[in-house]
Amino acid sequence: MRGVDACKALMNTKIPVLIIHGDKDTQAPVAMAYRLNNSCKSEKQMLIIRGAGHTDCYKIDPLRYENVVYEFIKNHIT
């Protein structure tokens, strides 16, 4: 995925975006989630899961994860 600029892509998107990120992610630091969120010009929502690493957001807080995803889909799919 070299050469891909997610921030640039989000600057140009018109679709709703949900960013879910763990605050203990060592592969993609949480600062990247904030950069992505700040770059996004469309409707957006961000969920930071405390104590979650790169792939365990759902495992750390499944109920919150499910509720946020459900509400996001409900609000943006017509």
N, C-alpha and C. Protein backbone atom coordinates (compact mmCIF):
# COMPACT_ATOMS: atom_id res chain seq x y z
N MET A 1 0.81 -1.20 0.00
CA MET A 1 0.00 0.00 0.00
C MET A 1 0.86 1.26 0.00
N ARG A 2 2.10 1.10 -0.37
CA ARG A 2 2.95 2.28 -0.46
C ARG A 2 2.38 3.24 -1.51
N GLY A 3 2.48 4.48 -1.23
CA GLY A 3 2.00 5.48 -2.17
C GLY A 3 0.53 5.84 -1.96
N VAL A 4 -0.14 5.15 -1.06
CA VAL A 4 -1.54 5.46 -0.78
C VAL A 4 -1.58 6.51 0.33
N ASP A 5 -2.33 7.56 0.11
CA ASP A 5 -2.45 8.63 1.09
C ASP A 5 -3.89 8.67 1.60
N ALA A 6 -4.12 8.02 2.73
CA ALA A 6 -5.47 7.93 3.28
C ALA A 6 -6.03 9.31 3.64
N CYS A 7 -5.20 10.20 4.13
CA CYS A 7 -5.66 11.54 4.47
C CYS A 7 -6.15 12.27 3.23
N LYS A 8 -5.41 12.16 2.15
CA LYS A 8 -5.82 12.81 0.90
C LYS A 8 -7.12 12.21 0.39
N ALA A 9 -7.25 10.90 0.48
CA ALA A 9 -8.49 10.25 0.04
C ALA A 9 -9.68 10.74 0.86
N LEU A 10 -9.49 10.88 2.17
CA LEU A 10 -10.58 11.33 3.02
C LEU A 10 -10.93 12.79 2.80
N MET A 11 -9.98 13.56 2.32
CA MET A 11 -10.26 14.96 2.00
C MET A 11 -11.23 15.07 0.82
N ASN A 12 -11.26 14.02 0.00
CA ASN A 12 -12.06 14.07 -1.22
C ASN A 12 -13.30 13.17 -1.19
N THR A 13 -13.50 12.45 -0.11
CA THR A 13 -14.64 11.55 -0.08
C THR A 13 -15.93 12.28 0.27
N LYS A 14 -17.01 11.74 -0.19
CA LYS A 14 -18.32 12.30 0.11
C LYS A 14 -19.17 11.32 0.92
N ILE A 15 -18.61 10.16 1.22
CA ILE A 15 -19.36 9.15 1.96
C ILE A 15 -19.08 9.28 3.46
N PRO A 16 -20.02 8.86 4.30
CA PRO A 16 -19.79 8.88 5.75
C PRO A 16 -18.65 7.93 6.13
N VAL A 17 -17.88 8.33 7.12
CA VAL A 17 -16.71 7.56 7.54
C VAL A 17 -16.76 7.33 9.05
N LEU A 18 -16.54 6.07 9.43
CA LEU A 18 -16.42 5.71 10.83
C LEU A 18 -15.01 5.21 11.07
N ILE A 19 -14.30 5.86 11.96
CA ILE A 19 -12.93 5.47 12.30
C ILE A 19 -12.96 4.85 13.69
N ILE A 20 -12.49 3.60 13.78
CA ILE A 20 -12.39 2.92 15.06
C ILE A 20 -10.93 2.59 15.27
N HIS A 21 -10.41 2.99 16.44
CA HIS A 21 -8.97 2.84 16.66
C HIS A 21 -8.70 2.58 18.13
N GLY A 22 -7.70 1.76 18.40
CA GLY A 22 -7.28 1.50 19.77
C GLY A 22 -6.22 2.49 20.21
N ASP A 23 -6.30 2.93 21.45
CA ASP A 23 -5.32 3.92 21.92
C ASP A 23 -3.98 3.29 22.28
N LYS A 24 -3.89 1.97 22.25
CA LYS A 24 -2.63 1.29 22.54
C LYS A 24 -2.04 0.64 21.28
N ASP A 25 -2.50 1.06 20.12
CA ASP A 25 -2.03 0.52 18.85
C ASP A 25 -0.58 0.94 18.62
N THR A 26 0.31 -0.03 18.47
CA THR A 26 1.72 0.28 18.22
C THR A 26 2.06 0.20 16.74
N GLN A 27 1.18 -0.36 15.92
CA GLN A 27 1.44 -0.45 14.48
C GLN A 27 0.97 0.81 13.75
N ALA A 28 -0.14 1.36 14.19
CA ALA A 28 -0.66 2.61 13.65
C ALA A 28 -1.05 3.46 14.86
N PRO A 29 -0.19 4.34 15.29
CA PRO A 29 -0.45 5.12 16.50
C PRO A 29 -1.78 5.87 16.44
N VAL A 30 -2.38 6.07 17.60
CA VAL A 30 -3.68 6.71 17.67
C VAL A 30 -3.66 8.11 17.06
N ALA A 31 -2.52 8.74 17.02
CA ALA A 31 -2.42 10.05 16.37
C ALA A 31 -2.84 9.97 14.91
N MET A 32 -2.64 8.82 14.28
CA MET A 32 -3.05 8.65 12.89
C MET A 32 -4.58 8.70 12.77
N ALA A 33 -5.28 8.14 13.74
CA ALA A 33 -6.75 8.19 13.70
C ALA A 33 -7.21 9.65 13.75
N TYR A 34 -6.56 10.45 14.58
CA TYR A 34 -6.93 11.86 14.66
C TYR A 34 -6.58 12.60 13.37
N ARG A 35 -5.47 12.26 12.76
CA ARG A 35 -5.11 12.87 11.46
C ARG A 35 -6.14 12.52 10.40
N LEU A 36 -6.54 11.24 10.36
CA LEU A 36 -7.56 10.81 9.41
C LEU A 36 -8.87 11.55 9.66
N ASN A 37 -9.27 11.62 10.90
CA ASN A 37 -10.52 12.29 11.26
C ASN A 37 -10.47 13.77 10.87
N ASN A 38 -9.37 14.42 11.13
CA ASN A 38 -9.23 15.84 10.79
C ASN A 38 -9.19 16.07 9.29
N SER A 39 -8.71 15.10 8.54
CA SER A 39 -8.64 15.22 7.08
C SER A 39 -9.98 15.01 6.42
N CYS A 40 -10.84 14.26 7.05
CA CYS A 40 -12.11 13.87 6.45
C CYS A 40 -13.06 15.06 6.36
N LYS A 41 -13.55 15.31 5.16
CA LYS A 41 -14.45 16.43 4.93
C LYS A 41 -15.92 16.01 4.88
N SER A 42 -16.18 14.72 4.85
CA SER A 42 -17.56 14.24 4.83
C SER A 42 -18.03 14.03 6.26
N GLU A 43 -19.27 13.55 6.40
CA GLU A 43 -19.75 13.21 7.74
C GLU A 43 -18.83 12.14 8.31
N LYS A 44 -18.53 12.27 9.59
CA LYS A 44 -17.56 11.35 10.18
C LYS A 44 -17.86 11.14 11.65
N GLN A 45 -17.33 10.04 12.13
CA GLN A 45 -17.42 9.71 13.55
C GLN A 45 -16.17 8.93 13.90
N MET A 46 -15.69 9.15 15.10
CA MET A 46 -14.49 8.44 15.53
C MET A 46 -14.75 7.81 16.89
N LEU A 47 -14.29 6.58 17.03
CA LEU A 47 -14.38 5.85 18.29
C LEU A 47 -12.98 5.39 18.66
N ILE A 48 -12.51 5.83 19.81
CA ILE A 48 -11.21 5.39 20.32
C ILE A 48 -11.49 4.42 21.47
N ILE A 49 -10.97 3.22 21.35
CA ILE A 49 -11.17 2.20 22.37
C ILE A 49 -9.96 2.19 23.30
N ARG A 50 -10.18 2.51 24.56
CA ARG A 50 -9.10 2.54 25.55
C ARG A 50 -8.59 1.13 25.81
N GLY A 51 -7.28 1.00 25.80
CA GLY A 51 -6.63 -0.27 26.09
C GLY A 51 -6.52 -1.22 24.91
N ALA A 52 -7.03 -0.81 23.76
CA ALA A 52 -7.02 -1.69 22.58
C ALA A 52 -5.79 -1.45 21.72
N GLY A 53 -5.25 -2.55 21.23
CA GLY A 53 -4.14 -2.50 20.29
C GLY A 53 -4.64 -2.47 18.86
N HIS A 54 -3.81 -2.97 17.95
CA HIS A 54 -4.08 -2.86 16.52
C HIS A 54 -5.30 -3.65 16.05
N THR A 55 -5.54 -4.80 16.63
CA THR A 55 -6.63 -5.65 16.12
C THR A 55 -7.62 -6.09 17.19
N ASP A 56 -7.61 -5.47 18.34
CA ASP A 56 -8.46 -5.99 19.40
C ASP A 56 -9.49 -4.99 19.94
N CYS A 57 -9.90 -4.03 19.14
CA CYS A 57 -10.92 -3.07 19.58
C CYS A 57 -12.21 -3.79 19.97
N TYR A 58 -12.63 -4.72 19.12
CA TYR A 58 -13.87 -5.44 19.41
C TYR A 58 -13.72 -6.30 20.66
N LYS A 59 -12.61 -6.95 20.79
CA LYS A 59 -12.38 -7.83 21.93
C LYS A 59 -12.37 -7.05 23.25
N ILE A 60 -11.82 -5.86 23.24
CA ILE A 60 -11.70 -5.05 24.45
C ILE A 60 -13.06 -4.49 24.89
N ASP A 61 -13.87 -4.04 23.94
CA ASP A 61 -15.16 -3.41 24.30
C ASP A 61 -16.22 -3.74 23.25
N PRO A 62 -16.66 -5.01 23.21
CA PRO A 62 -17.59 -5.43 22.16
C PRO A 62 -18.93 -4.71 22.17
N LEU A 63 -19.47 -4.44 23.33
CA LEU A 63 -20.78 -3.79 23.39
C LEU A 63 -20.71 -2.37 22.83
N ARG A 64 -19.73 -1.61 23.24
CA ARG A 64 -19.58 -0.24 22.72
C ARG A 64 -19.31 -0.25 21.22
N TYR A 65 -18.44 -1.14 20.79
CA TYR A 65 -18.11 -1.29 19.38
C TYR A 65 -19.38 -1.57 18.57
N GLU A 66 -20.14 -2.57 19.00
CA GLU A 66 -21.37 -2.94 18.28
C GLU A 66 -22.37 -1.80 18.26
N ASN A 67 -22.54 -1.11 19.39
CA ASN A 67 -23.50 -0.01 19.45
C ASN A 67 -23.12 1.13 18.52
N VAL A 68 -21.85 1.47 18.49
CA VAL A 68 -21.41 2.57 17.62
C VAL A 68 -21.56 2.19 16.15
N VAL A 69 -21.16 0.98 15.80
CA VAL A 69 -21.30 0.54 14.40
C VAL A 69 -22.77 0.48 14.01
N TYR A 70 -23.61 -0.08 14.87
CA TYR A 70 -25.04 -0.17 14.58
C TYR A 70 -25.64 1.22 14.36
N GLU A 71 -25.38 2.15 15.27
CA GLU A 71 -25.93 3.49 15.15
C GLU A 71 -25.41 4.21 13.91
N PHE A 72 -24.14 4.02 13.61
CA PHE A 72 -23.55 4.66 12.44
C PHE A 72 -24.24 4.16 11.16
N ILE A 73 -24.40 2.85 11.07
CA ILE A 73 -25.08 2.28 9.89
C ILE A 73 -26.52 2.73 9.83
N LYS A 74 -27.20 2.68 10.95
CA LYS A 74 -28.61 3.09 11.00
C LYS A 74 -28.78 4.54 10.55
N ASN A 75 -27.85 5.40 10.94
CA ASN A 75 -27.95 6.82 10.60
C ASN A 75 -27.53 7.16 9.18
N HIS A 76 -26.82 6.26 8.51
CA HIS A 76 -26.28 6.59 7.19
C HIS A 76 -26.75 5.70 6.06
N ILE A 77 -27.46 4.66 6.37
CA ILE A 77 -28.00 3.79 5.31
C ILE A 77 -29.51 4.03 5.24
N THR A 78 -29.96 4.44 4.10
CA THR A 78 -31.40 4.69 3.94
C THR A 78 -32.00 3.78 2.91
